[in-house]
Amino acid sequence: ISNSTMAVGEQSSVTATTFNQLQNSSISESKNVADWLEELKFAINKTDSGLSEKDREKAFNHLGVIAQLGQNGQNSDLRVTGETALDALSGILSRGNGLNKLQIENLLDNIRETLKF
């Protein structure tokens, strides 16, 4: 159990670092993506989101992948993984009964458009 907890903690640390780097970017598109990801992160963290803990963990992992793509949008491997993460995130967040589905989809659409999907 401690190994899996440590892995989740390490993933959270990597994701937080990636978010910070994205927010501190000099590229305005990266900053926009960072802002939209922060809004998604806030929605996922809401206690009344309706998401299970497992869905939250999955969603945060996908946010981290998308943040990495926001930093390095030309990386073809990241583009494939990022597109999959966006699709998976959309599915996961659709299960959140307490989430504003229209707002979530608008945020995801903004990210897709900015990252040129």
N, C-alpha and C. Protein backbone atom coordinates (compact mmCIF):
# COMPACT_ATOMS: atom_id res chain seq x y z
N ILE A 1 0.83 -1.19 0.00
CA ILE A 1 0.00 0.00 0.00
C ILE A 1 0.86 1.24 0.00
N SER A 2 1.94 1.24 0.80
CA SER A 2 2.77 2.44 0.85
C SER A 2 3.45 2.71 -0.49
N ASN A 3 3.79 1.66 -1.24
CA ASN A 3 4.39 1.86 -2.57
C ASN A 3 3.40 2.53 -3.51
N SER A 4 2.14 2.09 -3.50
CA SER A 4 1.16 2.71 -4.40
C SER A 4 0.86 4.14 -3.95
N THR A 5 0.84 4.36 -2.64
CA THR A 5 0.63 5.71 -2.15
C THR A 5 1.80 6.60 -2.54
N MET A 6 2.99 6.07 -2.44
CA MET A 6 4.17 6.83 -2.82
C MET A 6 4.13 7.15 -4.31
N ALA A 7 3.71 6.19 -5.12
CA ALA A 7 3.65 6.42 -6.57
C ALA A 7 2.64 7.52 -6.89
N VAL A 8 1.50 7.50 -6.21
CA VAL A 8 0.49 8.54 -6.43
C VAL A 8 1.04 9.89 -5.98
N GLY A 9 1.72 9.91 -4.84
CA GLY A 9 2.34 11.14 -4.34
C GLY A 9 3.39 11.67 -5.30
N GLU A 10 4.20 10.76 -5.82
CA GLU A 10 5.22 11.17 -6.79
C GLU A 10 4.56 11.72 -8.05
N GLN A 11 3.50 11.07 -8.51
CA GLN A 11 2.78 11.54 -9.69
C GLN A 11 2.20 12.92 -9.44
N SER A 12 1.65 13.14 -8.24
CA SER A 12 1.09 14.44 -7.90
C SER A 12 2.17 15.51 -7.92
N SER A 13 3.34 15.16 -7.43
CA SER A 13 4.45 16.10 -7.40
C SER A 13 4.89 16.46 -8.82
N VAL A 14 4.99 15.44 -9.67
CA VAL A 14 5.37 15.67 -11.07
C VAL A 14 4.32 16.53 -11.76
N THR A 15 3.05 16.23 -11.53
CA THR A 15 1.96 17.00 -12.13
C THR A 15 2.00 18.45 -11.66
N ALA A 16 2.22 18.66 -10.37
CA ALA A 16 2.28 20.03 -9.84
C ALA A 16 3.44 20.79 -10.47
N THR A 17 4.58 20.14 -10.61
CA THR A 17 5.74 20.78 -11.24
C THR A 17 5.44 21.13 -12.69
N THR A 18 4.81 20.22 -13.40
CA THR A 18 4.46 20.45 -14.80
C THR A 18 3.48 21.62 -14.92
N PHE A 19 2.48 21.67 -14.02
CA PHE A 19 1.52 22.77 -14.03
C PHE A 19 2.24 24.10 -13.81
N ASN A 20 3.15 24.13 -12.83
CA ASN A 20 3.88 25.36 -12.53
C ASN A 20 4.71 25.82 -13.72
N GLN A 21 5.38 24.88 -14.37
CA GLN A 21 6.18 25.24 -15.54
C GLN A 21 5.31 25.77 -16.66
N LEU A 22 4.16 25.17 -16.84
CA LEU A 22 3.23 25.60 -17.87
C LEU A 22 2.71 27.01 -17.56
N GLN A 23 2.37 27.27 -16.32
CA GLN A 23 1.87 28.59 -15.93
C GLN A 23 2.94 29.67 -16.06
N ASN A 24 4.19 29.30 -15.88
CA ASN A 24 5.29 30.27 -15.95
C ASN A 24 5.85 30.43 -17.36
N SER A 25 5.24 29.78 -18.32
CA SER A 25 5.71 29.86 -19.69
C SER A 25 5.53 31.27 -20.25
N SER A 26 6.41 31.62 -21.17
CA SER A 26 6.29 32.93 -21.82
C SER A 26 5.34 32.87 -23.02
N ILE A 27 4.86 31.69 -23.35
CA ILE A 27 3.95 31.50 -24.48
C ILE A 27 2.51 31.63 -23.98
N SER A 28 1.77 32.57 -24.56
CA SER A 28 0.41 32.85 -24.06
C SER A 28 -0.51 31.64 -24.19
N GLU A 29 -0.35 30.84 -25.24
CA GLU A 29 -1.20 29.66 -25.40
C GLU A 29 -0.98 28.68 -24.25
N SER A 30 0.28 28.55 -23.83
CA SER A 30 0.59 27.65 -22.71
C SER A 30 -0.06 28.15 -21.43
N LYS A 31 -0.02 29.46 -21.23
CA LYS A 31 -0.65 30.02 -20.03
C LYS A 31 -2.16 29.80 -20.06
N ASN A 32 -2.77 29.93 -21.25
CA ASN A 32 -4.21 29.68 -21.37
C ASN A 32 -4.53 28.23 -21.01
N VAL A 33 -3.75 27.30 -21.56
CA VAL A 33 -3.95 25.88 -21.26
C VAL A 33 -3.81 25.66 -19.75
N ALA A 34 -2.81 26.27 -19.15
CA ALA A 34 -2.60 26.14 -17.70
C ALA A 34 -3.82 26.64 -16.93
N ASP A 35 -4.37 27.77 -17.34
CA ASP A 35 -5.55 28.32 -16.66
C ASP A 35 -6.74 27.37 -16.78
N TRP A 36 -6.95 26.84 -17.97
CA TRP A 36 -8.07 25.92 -18.19
C TRP A 36 -7.87 24.62 -17.40
N LEU A 37 -6.63 24.14 -17.34
CA LEU A 37 -6.36 22.94 -16.55
C LEU A 37 -6.59 23.20 -15.06
N GLU A 38 -6.24 24.38 -14.60
CA GLU A 38 -6.49 24.74 -13.21
C GLU A 38 -7.99 24.75 -12.92
N GLU A 39 -8.79 25.26 -13.85
CA GLU A 39 -10.24 25.25 -13.67
C GLU A 39 -10.76 23.81 -13.59
N LEU A 40 -10.23 22.95 -14.45
CA LEU A 40 -10.64 21.54 -14.41
C LEU A 40 -10.21 20.90 -13.09
N LYS A 41 -8.99 21.20 -12.67
CA LYS A 41 -8.48 20.66 -11.41
C LYS A 41 -9.38 21.08 -10.24
N PHE A 42 -9.78 22.33 -10.23
CA PHE A 42 -10.67 22.85 -9.19
C PHE A 42 -12.00 22.08 -9.20
N ALA A 43 -12.56 21.89 -10.39
CA ALA A 43 -13.85 21.17 -10.51
C ALA A 43 -13.71 19.73 -10.02
N ILE A 44 -12.62 19.07 -10.38
CA ILE A 44 -12.39 17.69 -9.98
C ILE A 44 -12.24 17.59 -8.47
N ASN A 45 -11.62 18.57 -7.85
CA ASN A 45 -11.38 18.57 -6.41
C ASN A 45 -12.61 18.88 -5.58
N LYS A 46 -13.66 19.42 -6.20
CA LYS A 46 -14.86 19.77 -5.44
C LYS A 46 -15.42 18.53 -4.74
N THR A 47 -15.75 18.69 -3.48
CA THR A 47 -16.28 17.55 -2.73
C THR A 47 -17.62 17.07 -3.29
N ASP A 48 -18.35 17.96 -3.93
CA ASP A 48 -19.65 17.57 -4.49
C ASP A 48 -19.58 17.31 -5.99
N SER A 49 -18.39 16.96 -6.49
CA SER A 49 -18.24 16.71 -7.93
C SER A 49 -18.97 15.45 -8.38
N GLY A 50 -19.16 14.53 -7.46
CA GLY A 50 -19.80 13.27 -7.82
C GLY A 50 -18.83 12.25 -8.36
N LEU A 51 -17.53 12.56 -8.35
CA LEU A 51 -16.52 11.63 -8.84
C LEU A 51 -16.02 10.75 -7.71
N SER A 52 -15.75 9.50 -8.03
CA SER A 52 -15.14 8.61 -7.04
C SER A 52 -13.67 9.00 -6.89
N GLU A 53 -13.06 8.51 -5.84
CA GLU A 53 -11.64 8.79 -5.62
C GLU A 53 -10.79 8.23 -6.78
N LYS A 54 -11.18 7.06 -7.25
CA LYS A 54 -10.47 6.44 -8.37
C LYS A 54 -10.58 7.31 -9.62
N ASP A 55 -11.77 7.84 -9.89
CA ASP A 55 -11.96 8.71 -11.05
C ASP A 55 -11.16 10.00 -10.90
N ARG A 56 -11.09 10.52 -9.68
CA ARG A 56 -10.29 11.72 -9.44
C ARG A 56 -8.82 11.47 -9.76
N GLU A 57 -8.30 10.34 -9.28
CA GLU A 57 -6.90 10.00 -9.54
C GLU A 57 -6.64 9.89 -11.04
N LYS A 58 -7.53 9.19 -11.73
CA LYS A 58 -7.38 9.05 -13.19
C LYS A 58 -7.41 10.43 -13.86
N ALA A 59 -8.36 11.26 -13.44
CA ALA A 59 -8.49 12.59 -14.04
C ALA A 59 -7.23 13.41 -13.82
N PHE A 60 -6.67 13.36 -12.62
CA PHE A 60 -5.44 14.12 -12.35
C PHE A 60 -4.27 13.61 -13.19
N ASN A 61 -4.20 12.30 -13.38
CA ASN A 61 -3.14 11.75 -14.25
C ASN A 61 -3.29 12.29 -15.67
N HIS A 62 -4.51 12.33 -16.17
CA HIS A 62 -4.75 12.84 -17.52
C HIS A 62 -4.44 14.34 -17.61
N LEU A 63 -4.77 15.08 -16.56
CA LEU A 63 -4.42 16.51 -16.55
C LEU A 63 -2.91 16.69 -16.66
N GLY A 64 -2.16 15.84 -15.98
CA GLY A 64 -0.70 15.91 -16.04
C GLY A 64 -0.17 15.67 -17.45
N VAL A 65 -0.75 14.70 -18.13
CA VAL A 65 -0.34 14.42 -19.52
C VAL A 65 -0.64 15.61 -20.41
N ILE A 66 -1.81 16.20 -20.23
CA ILE A 66 -2.20 17.35 -21.05
C ILE A 66 -1.30 18.54 -20.74
N ALA A 67 -0.93 18.71 -19.48
CA ALA A 67 0.00 19.79 -19.12
C ALA A 67 1.36 19.59 -19.79
N GLN A 68 1.83 18.35 -19.83
CA GLN A 68 3.10 18.06 -20.52
C GLN A 68 2.99 18.41 -22.00
N LEU A 69 1.86 18.08 -22.60
CA LEU A 69 1.64 18.40 -24.01
C LEU A 69 1.61 19.92 -24.21
N GLY A 70 1.02 20.62 -23.27
CA GLY A 70 0.99 22.08 -23.35
C GLY A 70 2.37 22.69 -23.37
N GLN A 71 3.33 22.02 -22.73
CA GLN A 71 4.71 22.49 -22.71
C GLN A 71 5.45 22.13 -23.99
N ASN A 72 5.10 21.00 -24.57
CA ASN A 72 5.85 20.48 -25.71
C ASN A 72 4.87 19.94 -26.75
N GLY A 73 4.10 20.85 -27.34
CA GLY A 73 3.03 20.48 -28.25
C GLY A 73 3.45 19.87 -29.57
N GLN A 74 4.73 19.95 -29.89
CA GLN A 74 5.20 19.39 -31.16
C GLN A 74 5.68 17.95 -31.03
N ASN A 75 5.77 17.43 -29.81
CA ASN A 75 6.23 16.07 -29.58
C ASN A 75 5.14 15.11 -30.05
N SER A 76 5.44 14.32 -31.09
CA SER A 76 4.41 13.47 -31.70
C SER A 76 3.91 12.39 -30.73
N ASP A 77 4.79 11.83 -29.90
CA ASP A 77 4.35 10.84 -28.93
C ASP A 77 3.41 11.46 -27.90
N LEU A 78 3.77 12.66 -27.43
CA LEU A 78 2.91 13.36 -26.48
C LEU A 78 1.58 13.75 -27.10
N ARG A 79 1.58 14.05 -28.39
CA ARG A 79 0.33 14.42 -29.06
C ARG A 79 -0.64 13.25 -29.05
N VAL A 80 -0.15 12.06 -29.32
CA VAL A 80 -1.01 10.87 -29.32
C VAL A 80 -1.53 10.62 -27.90
N THR A 81 -0.62 10.64 -26.94
CA THR A 81 -1.00 10.41 -25.55
C THR A 81 -1.92 11.51 -25.05
N GLY A 82 -1.64 12.75 -25.43
CA GLY A 82 -2.45 13.89 -25.01
C GLY A 82 -3.86 13.83 -25.55
N GLU A 83 -3.98 13.45 -26.81
CA GLU A 83 -5.32 13.34 -27.40
C GLU A 83 -6.13 12.25 -26.70
N THR A 84 -5.47 11.14 -26.40
CA THR A 84 -6.13 10.06 -25.67
C THR A 84 -6.53 10.54 -24.27
N ALA A 85 -5.65 11.30 -23.62
CA ALA A 85 -5.94 11.83 -22.28
C ALA A 85 -7.15 12.77 -22.32
N LEU A 86 -7.24 13.61 -23.34
CA LEU A 86 -8.39 14.51 -23.46
C LEU A 86 -9.69 13.73 -23.62
N ASP A 87 -9.65 12.70 -24.46
CA ASP A 87 -10.84 11.88 -24.67
C ASP A 87 -11.24 11.15 -23.38
N ALA A 88 -10.24 10.58 -22.70
CA ALA A 88 -10.51 9.85 -21.46
C ALA A 88 -11.03 10.79 -20.38
N LEU A 89 -10.43 11.97 -20.29
CA LEU A 89 -10.85 12.95 -19.30
C LEU A 89 -12.31 13.35 -19.51
N SER A 90 -12.68 13.53 -20.76
CA SER A 90 -14.07 13.88 -21.08
C SER A 90 -15.02 12.80 -20.56
N GLY A 91 -14.66 11.53 -20.78
CA GLY A 91 -15.49 10.42 -20.33
C GLY A 91 -15.57 10.34 -18.81
N ILE A 92 -14.42 10.50 -18.16
CA ILE A 92 -14.39 10.44 -16.69
C ILE A 92 -15.24 11.56 -16.10
N LEU A 93 -15.05 12.78 -16.59
CA LEU A 93 -15.76 13.92 -16.01
C LEU A 93 -17.26 13.89 -16.31
N SER A 94 -17.66 13.17 -17.35
CA SER A 94 -19.09 13.06 -17.64
C SER A 94 -19.82 12.28 -16.55
N ARG A 95 -19.07 11.50 -15.76
CA ARG A 95 -19.67 10.72 -14.66
C ARG A 95 -19.87 11.56 -13.39
N GLY A 96 -19.32 12.75 -13.37
CA GLY A 96 -19.43 13.60 -12.18
C GLY A 96 -20.77 14.29 -12.13
N ASN A 97 -21.66 13.80 -11.28
CA ASN A 97 -23.02 14.36 -11.19
C ASN A 97 -23.04 15.80 -10.73
N GLY A 98 -22.04 16.22 -9.96
CA GLY A 98 -22.02 17.57 -9.42
C GLY A 98 -21.23 18.56 -10.26
N LEU A 99 -20.81 18.14 -11.46
CA LEU A 99 -20.01 19.01 -12.32
C LEU A 99 -20.89 19.71 -13.35
N ASN A 100 -20.51 20.92 -13.70
CA ASN A 100 -21.19 21.66 -14.75
C ASN A 100 -20.67 21.12 -16.08
N LYS A 101 -21.45 20.24 -16.70
CA LYS A 101 -21.00 19.53 -17.90
C LYS A 101 -20.69 20.49 -19.06
N LEU A 102 -21.50 21.53 -19.21
CA LEU A 102 -21.25 22.49 -20.29
C LEU A 102 -19.93 23.22 -20.08
N GLN A 103 -19.67 23.64 -18.86
CA GLN A 103 -18.42 24.32 -18.55
C GLN A 103 -17.23 23.39 -18.80
N ILE A 104 -17.34 22.14 -18.37
CA ILE A 104 -16.27 21.15 -18.56
C ILE A 104 -15.99 20.96 -20.04
N GLU A 105 -17.02 20.76 -20.82
CA GLU A 105 -16.84 20.55 -22.26
C GLU A 105 -16.25 21.78 -22.93
N ASN A 106 -16.68 22.97 -22.50
CA ASN A 106 -16.10 24.20 -23.06
C ASN A 106 -14.61 24.29 -22.76
N LEU A 107 -14.22 23.95 -21.53
CA LEU A 107 -12.80 23.98 -21.16
C LEU A 107 -12.01 22.97 -22.00
N LEU A 108 -12.55 21.76 -22.13
CA LEU A 108 -11.87 20.74 -22.93
C LEU A 108 -11.79 21.15 -24.40
N ASP A 109 -12.86 21.75 -24.93
CA ASP A 109 -12.84 22.23 -26.32
C ASP A 109 -11.80 23.34 -26.51
N ASN A 110 -11.69 24.24 -25.53
CA ASN A 110 -10.67 25.30 -25.61
C ASN A 110 -9.27 24.70 -25.65
N ILE A 111 -9.04 23.69 -24.83
CA ILE A 111 -7.73 23.03 -24.80
C ILE A 111 -7.47 22.34 -26.13
N ARG A 112 -8.48 21.61 -26.64
CA ARG A 112 -8.31 20.92 -27.93
C ARG A 112 -7.98 21.90 -29.04
N GLU A 113 -8.70 23.00 -29.07
CA GLU A 113 -8.48 24.01 -30.12
C GLU A 113 -7.08 24.63 -30.00
N THR A 114 -6.69 24.97 -28.80
CA THR A 114 -5.38 25.59 -28.59
C THR A 114 -4.25 24.64 -28.94
N LEU A 115 -4.44 23.35 -28.60
CA LEU A 115 -3.41 22.35 -28.90
C LEU A 115 -3.55 21.77 -30.30
N LYS A 116 -4.54 22.30 -31.05
CA LYS A 116 -4.77 21.94 -32.45
C LYS A 116 -5.13 20.48 -32.67
N PHE A 117 -6.16 20.06 -31.93
CA PHE A 117 -6.74 18.71 -32.15
C PHE A 117 -8.04 18.84 -32.88
